[in-house]
Protein backbone atom coordinates (compact mmCIF):
# COMPACT_ATOMS: atom_id res chain seq x y z
CA MET A 1 141.56 100.81 138.16
CA LYS A 2 138.52 98.58 139.38
CA ILE A 3 135.85 100.43 140.61
CA SER A 4 136.31 103.60 137.65
CA CYS A 5 135.94 100.27 135.29
CA SER A 6 132.52 99.31 137.06
CA ILE A 7 131.24 103.22 137.58
CA LEU A 8 131.97 103.20 133.59
CA ILE A 9 129.76 99.86 132.97
CA LEU A 10 127.08 101.41 135.29
CA LEU A 11 127.02 104.63 133.31
CA LEU A 12 126.63 102.95 129.89
CA SER A 13 124.35 100.40 130.90
CA SER A 14 122.17 103.13 132.55
CA ILE A 15 122.63 104.81 129.32
CA ALA A 16 121.40 102.39 127.66
CA ILE A 17 118.30 101.53 129.44
CA ALA A 18 117.12 104.95 129.11
CA SER A 19 117.55 105.29 125.59
CA GLN A 20 115.68 102.10 125.55
CA ALA A 21 112.90 103.85 127.88
CA GLN A 22 112.22 107.12 125.58
CA SER A 23 109.15 108.29 125.77
CA PRO A 24 106.82 108.48 122.67
CA ALA A 25 107.06 112.45 122.36
CA GLU A 26 111.03 111.70 122.58
CA LYS A 27 111.20 109.36 119.99
CA LEU A 28 109.18 112.07 117.93
CA LYS A 29 111.15 114.26 118.65
CA THR A 30 114.61 112.32 117.85
CA VAL A 31 113.61 110.86 114.06
CA PHE A 32 113.59 115.13 113.27
CA ARG A 33 117.11 115.36 114.33
CA ALA A 34 119.14 115.80 111.40
CA ASN A 35 121.64 113.03 112.43
CA ASN A 36 119.26 110.30 113.50
CA LYS A 37 119.36 107.35 111.91
CA GLN A 38 117.16 105.15 113.36
CA ILE A 39 113.79 103.80 111.70
CA LEU A 40 110.29 103.69 113.70
CA VAL A 41 108.24 101.03 113.03
CA ALA A 42 104.16 101.49 112.89
CA ALA A 43 101.95 98.29 113.14
CA HIS A 44 99.31 99.19 110.38
CA ARG A 45 96.05 98.91 113.07
CA GLY A 46 97.75 97.79 115.31
CA ASP A 47 98.75 93.76 116.07
CA TRP A 48 95.70 93.05 114.05
CA ARG A 49 97.16 89.51 113.74
CA ASN A 50 96.58 88.64 117.40
CA ALA A 51 94.28 90.75 118.36
CA PRO A 52 90.86 92.62 116.42
CA GLU A 53 92.32 95.49 114.30
CA ASN A 54 92.29 99.04 116.04
CA SER A 55 91.29 97.42 119.29
CA LEU A 56 92.38 98.64 122.90
CA ASN A 57 93.90 95.02 122.73
CA ALA A 58 95.96 95.47 119.32
CA LEU A 59 97.10 98.89 121.21
CA TYR A 60 98.42 97.19 124.24
CA ASN A 61 100.11 94.18 122.41
CA SER A 62 102.00 97.25 120.01
CA ILE A 63 103.56 98.58 123.36
CA LYS A 64 104.00 95.44 125.01
CA LYS A 65 105.65 93.78 122.14
CA GLY A 66 107.93 97.27 121.91
CA PHE A 67 106.65 98.59 118.35
CA ASP A 68 107.17 102.41 118.41
CA ILE A 69 104.11 103.39 116.53
CA MET A 70 100.22 102.14 116.22
CA GLU A 71 98.07 103.54 112.97
CA LEU A 72 94.85 103.58 114.02
CA ASP A 73 91.80 105.21 111.67
CA VAL A 74 89.06 106.97 113.07
CA LYS A 75 85.54 108.10 111.66
CA MET A 76 82.40 109.99 113.27
CA SER A 77 79.70 108.48 115.16
CA LYS A 78 75.87 110.29 114.75
CA ASP A 79 76.46 112.25 117.99
CA SER A 80 80.07 113.39 116.96
CA GLN A 81 81.95 111.28 118.92
CA MET A 82 85.27 109.87 116.92
CA VAL A 83 85.25 106.26 117.56
CA VAL A 84 88.56 104.00 115.51
CA MET A 85 87.20 102.60 112.88
CA HIS A 86 88.73 101.86 109.31
CA ASP A 87 85.75 101.24 107.04
CA ASN A 88 82.78 103.47 106.29
CA THR A 89 80.41 100.71 107.53
CA ILE A 90 80.88 98.47 110.47
CA ASP A 91 79.94 95.08 108.18
CA ARG A 92 83.40 93.63 108.02
CA THR A 93 85.00 94.56 111.12
CA THR A 94 81.75 93.65 113.97
CA ASN A 95 78.64 91.05 114.56
CA ALA A 96 76.36 94.07 112.83
CA LYS A 97 76.05 96.16 109.97
CA GLY A 98 75.47 99.87 108.67
CA LYS A 99 77.35 102.78 108.45
CA VAL A 100 79.54 104.41 111.34
CA GLY A 101 77.57 107.69 111.08
CA ASP A 102 74.04 105.67 111.27
CA PHE A 103 74.57 105.29 115.06
CA THR A 104 75.08 106.63 118.58
CA LEU A 105 78.49 106.19 120.07
CA GLU A 106 76.14 103.67 122.97
CA GLU A 107 74.71 102.07 120.27
CA LEU A 108 78.14 101.07 119.15
CA LYS A 109 79.41 100.38 122.00
CA LYS A 110 76.76 97.23 122.05
CA PHE A 111 78.79 95.64 119.07
CA ARG A 112 81.51 93.88 118.86
CA LEU A 113 84.23 93.47 116.85
CA LYS A 114 85.92 90.28 114.62
CA ASN A 115 89.21 89.21 114.79
CA GLY A 116 91.76 88.54 111.95
CA LEU A 117 89.94 85.21 110.98
CA GLY A 118 86.31 87.19 110.75
CA ARG A 119 85.36 85.41 114.61
CA VAL A 120 83.63 87.61 117.06
CA THR A 121 85.32 88.61 120.15
CA GLU A 122 84.42 90.42 122.77
CA ASN A 123 86.14 93.50 122.14
CA GLN A 124 84.28 96.44 121.90
CA ILE A 125 84.55 99.28 119.70
CA PRO A 126 86.80 101.78 121.09
CA THR A 127 86.58 105.82 120.96
CA MET A 128 89.22 107.60 120.10
CA ARG A 129 89.85 109.05 123.55
CA GLU A 130 90.31 105.69 124.91
CA MET A 131 92.73 104.80 122.49
CA MET A 132 94.71 108.57 123.10
CA LEU A 133 94.46 107.95 126.82
CA ALA A 134 95.70 103.98 127.12
CA ALA A 135 98.52 105.08 124.66
CA LYS A 136 99.43 108.32 126.53
CA GLY A 137 103.57 108.15 127.51
CA LYS A 138 103.68 104.52 125.79
CA ILE A 139 103.37 104.55 121.94
CA ILE A 140 103.12 107.34 118.97
CA ILE A 141 99.50 106.93 117.66
CA ASN A 142 99.30 107.90 114.10
CA VAL A 143 95.92 108.79 113.40
CA ASP A 144 94.36 108.25 109.46
CA LYS A 145 91.13 108.93 108.11
CA GLY A 146 90.46 111.70 109.96
CA ASN A 147 91.20 114.12 107.29
CA ASP A 148 87.17 115.34 107.37
CA HIS A 149 87.25 116.20 110.98
CA LEU A 150 90.87 117.32 111.76
CA ASP A 151 89.21 120.02 114.44
CA LEU A 152 87.73 116.94 116.11
CA VAL A 153 90.78 115.49 115.85
CA PHE A 154 92.82 118.03 117.37
CA LYS A 155 90.32 118.79 119.80
CA VAL A 156 90.90 115.29 121.52
CA LEU A 157 94.90 115.16 121.07
CA ARG A 158 94.55 118.50 123.23
CA GLU A 159 91.98 117.34 125.82
CA THR A 160 93.64 114.04 126.45
CA SER A 161 97.73 115.92 126.19
CA THR A 162 98.77 113.47 123.54
CA ILE A 163 99.03 115.95 120.31
CA ASP A 164 102.92 115.61 121.29
CA GLN A 165 102.92 111.95 120.82
CA ALA A 166 100.49 111.76 117.60
CA ILE A 167 101.18 112.04 113.81
CA VAL A 168 97.66 113.07 112.51
CA ASN A 169 97.30 112.20 108.42
CA VAL A 170 96.09 115.76 106.50
CA GLY A 171 95.31 114.04 103.38
CA ASP A 172 96.32 112.67 100.10
CA ASP A 173 98.23 115.23 97.81
CA VAL A 174 96.65 118.73 99.54
CA PRO A 175 99.00 121.72 99.42
CA TYR A 176 99.79 123.12 103.23
CA GLY A 177 98.14 126.32 101.90
CA GLU A 178 95.07 124.78 100.78
CA LEU A 179 95.05 122.77 104.47
CA LYS A 180 95.58 126.00 106.43
CA THR A 181 92.65 127.60 104.41
CA LYS A 182 90.42 124.96 105.26
CA ASN A 183 91.51 124.18 108.78
CA VAL A 184 92.87 125.50 111.97
CA ILE A 185 96.25 123.33 112.42
CA PRO A 186 98.44 123.59 115.55
CA GLU A 187 101.76 124.95 115.37
CA ASP A 188 102.52 121.83 117.68
CA ALA A 189 100.69 119.20 115.89
CA TYR A 190 102.50 116.26 114.10
CA LEU A 191 101.33 116.29 110.40
CA MET A 192 101.84 113.69 107.48
CA VAL A 193 100.38 114.12 103.71
CA VAL A 194 100.41 111.09 101.21
CA VAL A 195 101.59 112.29 97.96
CA ASN A 196 101.06 109.75 95.07
CA ALA A 197 104.47 109.49 93.06
CA LYS A 198 102.96 108.79 89.62
CA LYS A 199 101.80 112.49 89.87
CA LYS A 200 103.62 115.38 88.48
CA GLU A 201 102.56 117.32 91.21
CA MET A 202 104.38 115.24 93.86
CA GLN A 203 107.38 117.79 94.20
CA ASP A 204 105.23 120.69 94.61
CA VAL A 205 102.90 119.26 97.34
CA ILE A 206 106.66 117.93 99.22
CA LYS A 207 108.01 121.89 99.11
CA SER A 208 104.46 123.32 100.06
CA TYR A 209 105.29 121.99 103.33
CA LEU A 210 109.01 122.78 104.22
CA PRO A 211 107.78 125.65 106.10
CA ASN A 212 106.64 123.53 108.82
CA GLN A 213 109.29 121.20 110.31
CA LYS A 214 107.12 118.74 112.20
CA THR A 215 105.76 117.41 108.64
CA ILE A 216 106.07 113.74 107.29
CA ILE A 217 106.00 112.77 104.10
CA GLN A 218 104.45 109.71 102.96
CA PRO A 219 105.00 109.06 98.97
CA ILE A 220 102.84 105.63 98.02
CA PHE A 221 103.66 104.07 94.20
CA ASP A 222 102.48 100.91 92.52
CA THR A 223 106.16 100.77 90.38
CA ASP A 224 109.37 101.11 90.93
CA THR A 225 110.00 102.78 88.01
CA LEU A 226 108.76 106.40 88.57
CA SER A 227 111.34 109.00 88.12
CA ASN A 228 109.36 110.92 90.59
CA LEU A 229 111.01 108.27 93.07
CA LYS A 230 114.58 109.85 92.43
CA THR A 231 113.60 113.34 93.91
CA VAL A 232 112.27 111.06 97.22
CA LYS A 233 116.05 109.58 97.27
CA LYS A 234 117.33 113.18 96.84
CA LEU A 235 115.41 114.13 99.84
CA ASN A 236 117.60 111.89 102.29
CA GLY A 237 115.24 111.72 104.63
CA LYS A 238 114.52 115.58 104.69
CA PRO A 239 111.42 116.57 105.60
CA LEU A 240 110.76 112.97 107.15
CA ILE A 241 109.45 109.94 104.58
CA TRP A 242 106.61 107.78 106.01
CA LEU A 243 107.15 104.65 103.97
CA ASN A 244 104.49 101.37 103.38
CA SER A 245 105.45 97.98 103.23
CA LEU A 246 102.22 96.65 103.37
CA TRP A 247 101.03 95.80 99.74
CA PRO A 248 102.16 96.03 96.62
CA SER A 249 100.22 99.05 95.35
CA LEU A 250 101.79 101.25 98.33
CA ASN A 251 105.82 100.53 97.18
CA GLY A 252 105.98 98.77 93.84
CA GLY A 253 106.21 95.04 94.88
CA HIS A 254 108.73 95.56 98.00
CA ASP A 255 106.34 94.49 100.65
CA ASP A 256 105.70 92.45 103.59
CA ASP A 257 104.77 89.45 102.21
CA ARG A 258 107.63 89.44 99.98
CA ALA A 259 109.67 89.63 102.99
CA VAL A 260 108.47 87.20 105.23
CA GLU A 261 106.59 84.89 102.68
CA ARG A 262 109.26 84.67 100.25
CA GLY A 263 112.05 85.48 102.24
CA GLU A 264 113.34 88.22 100.01
CA LYS A 265 114.25 90.63 102.94
CA GLU A 266 116.46 92.52 101.40
CA GLU A 267 114.43 92.92 98.11
CA SER A 268 111.41 94.27 100.15
CA TRP A 269 112.67 96.30 103.08
CA GLY A 270 116.05 96.69 102.37
CA TRP A 271 115.03 98.77 99.11
CA LEU A 272 112.68 100.72 101.06
CA VAL A 273 115.33 101.28 103.81
CA ALA A 274 117.60 102.69 100.85
CA TYR A 275 115.10 105.80 100.54
CA HIS A 276 115.79 107.35 104.05
CA PRO A 277 112.59 106.32 105.85
CA ALA A 278 112.31 107.75 109.20
CA ILE A 279 108.89 105.25 109.54
CA LEU A 280 108.01 101.51 108.01
CA GLN A 281 104.42 101.08 108.54
CA THR A 282 104.58 97.43 108.06
CA ASP A 283 101.89 94.19 108.76
CA ARG A 284 104.22 92.33 109.75
CA PRO A 285 105.95 94.52 113.05
CA ALA A 286 107.61 91.80 115.10
CA ASP A 287 109.57 90.54 111.93
CA LEU A 288 110.31 93.92 110.40
CA LEU A 289 111.91 95.09 114.37
CA ILE A 290 114.31 92.14 114.11
CA TYR A 291 115.08 92.87 110.61
CA LEU A 292 115.88 96.43 111.45
CA LYS A 293 117.56 95.80 115.14
CA ASP A 294 119.97 93.40 112.86
CA LYS A 295 121.05 96.38 110.49
CA GLY A 296 121.47 98.72 113.47
CA LEU A 297 118.68 101.08 112.45
CA HIS A 298 116.76 100.42 115.71
CA GLN A 299 117.18 100.76 118.86
């Protein structure tokens, strides 16, 4: 009997370890399952409080700290290379000035990224390819701001064999039919469309994506009194819902600072959880991870 109990304990331990060691591709498959109750944590621009936003170090920190997803932004250089940068210019985040598209990749690599305090670091501007290779098999990547160059975004994902661990933002309020008319969308790609809950067309946009079984919907709203939010709640997470706790204009005031600085976690993160999101994007990933684990909503 003692031997059987010992074996049982070992088996349970192995299962627990295996679940914690889920690959990013497996995590994405899991949240699409009908019985999923887990919420993934997306680190906005990476661990930007401890490394420059959209940097390789922000990615490495996100992996080390156990965040499920890193959101990054892409722009195209003068020589048609996809680089990781949020703004159209490099003024705010580097020690140089000018538009991203005015520089070649070689020129951009000479500049250095600033940290959250605005101080220049040794970090270079990474390419999307570099980021995807560093993330491969380790963390899900959400590619944002690339909807004007979706062909190049999918090209990089295909060439780095990371399309199964990436979520690609395809635009705001764009119906699925219109998206397919203007772009070649790989059948195995995970897509995310942003929908403005203030717009009457929101429900029609969401319905247009129902034929695609790999779509995630990201509703944004600056007030929590909109009638369209009832529609979001009725979806019950199907299709998958991605919500933001970043700043009030994206979530009607149920934001990270309210949760952490004012200590109102239930009024902010708890309120968002009630809408059955599969993913929460945050600027406080470490704190949100603890909150979700305590609620049994994260392994």
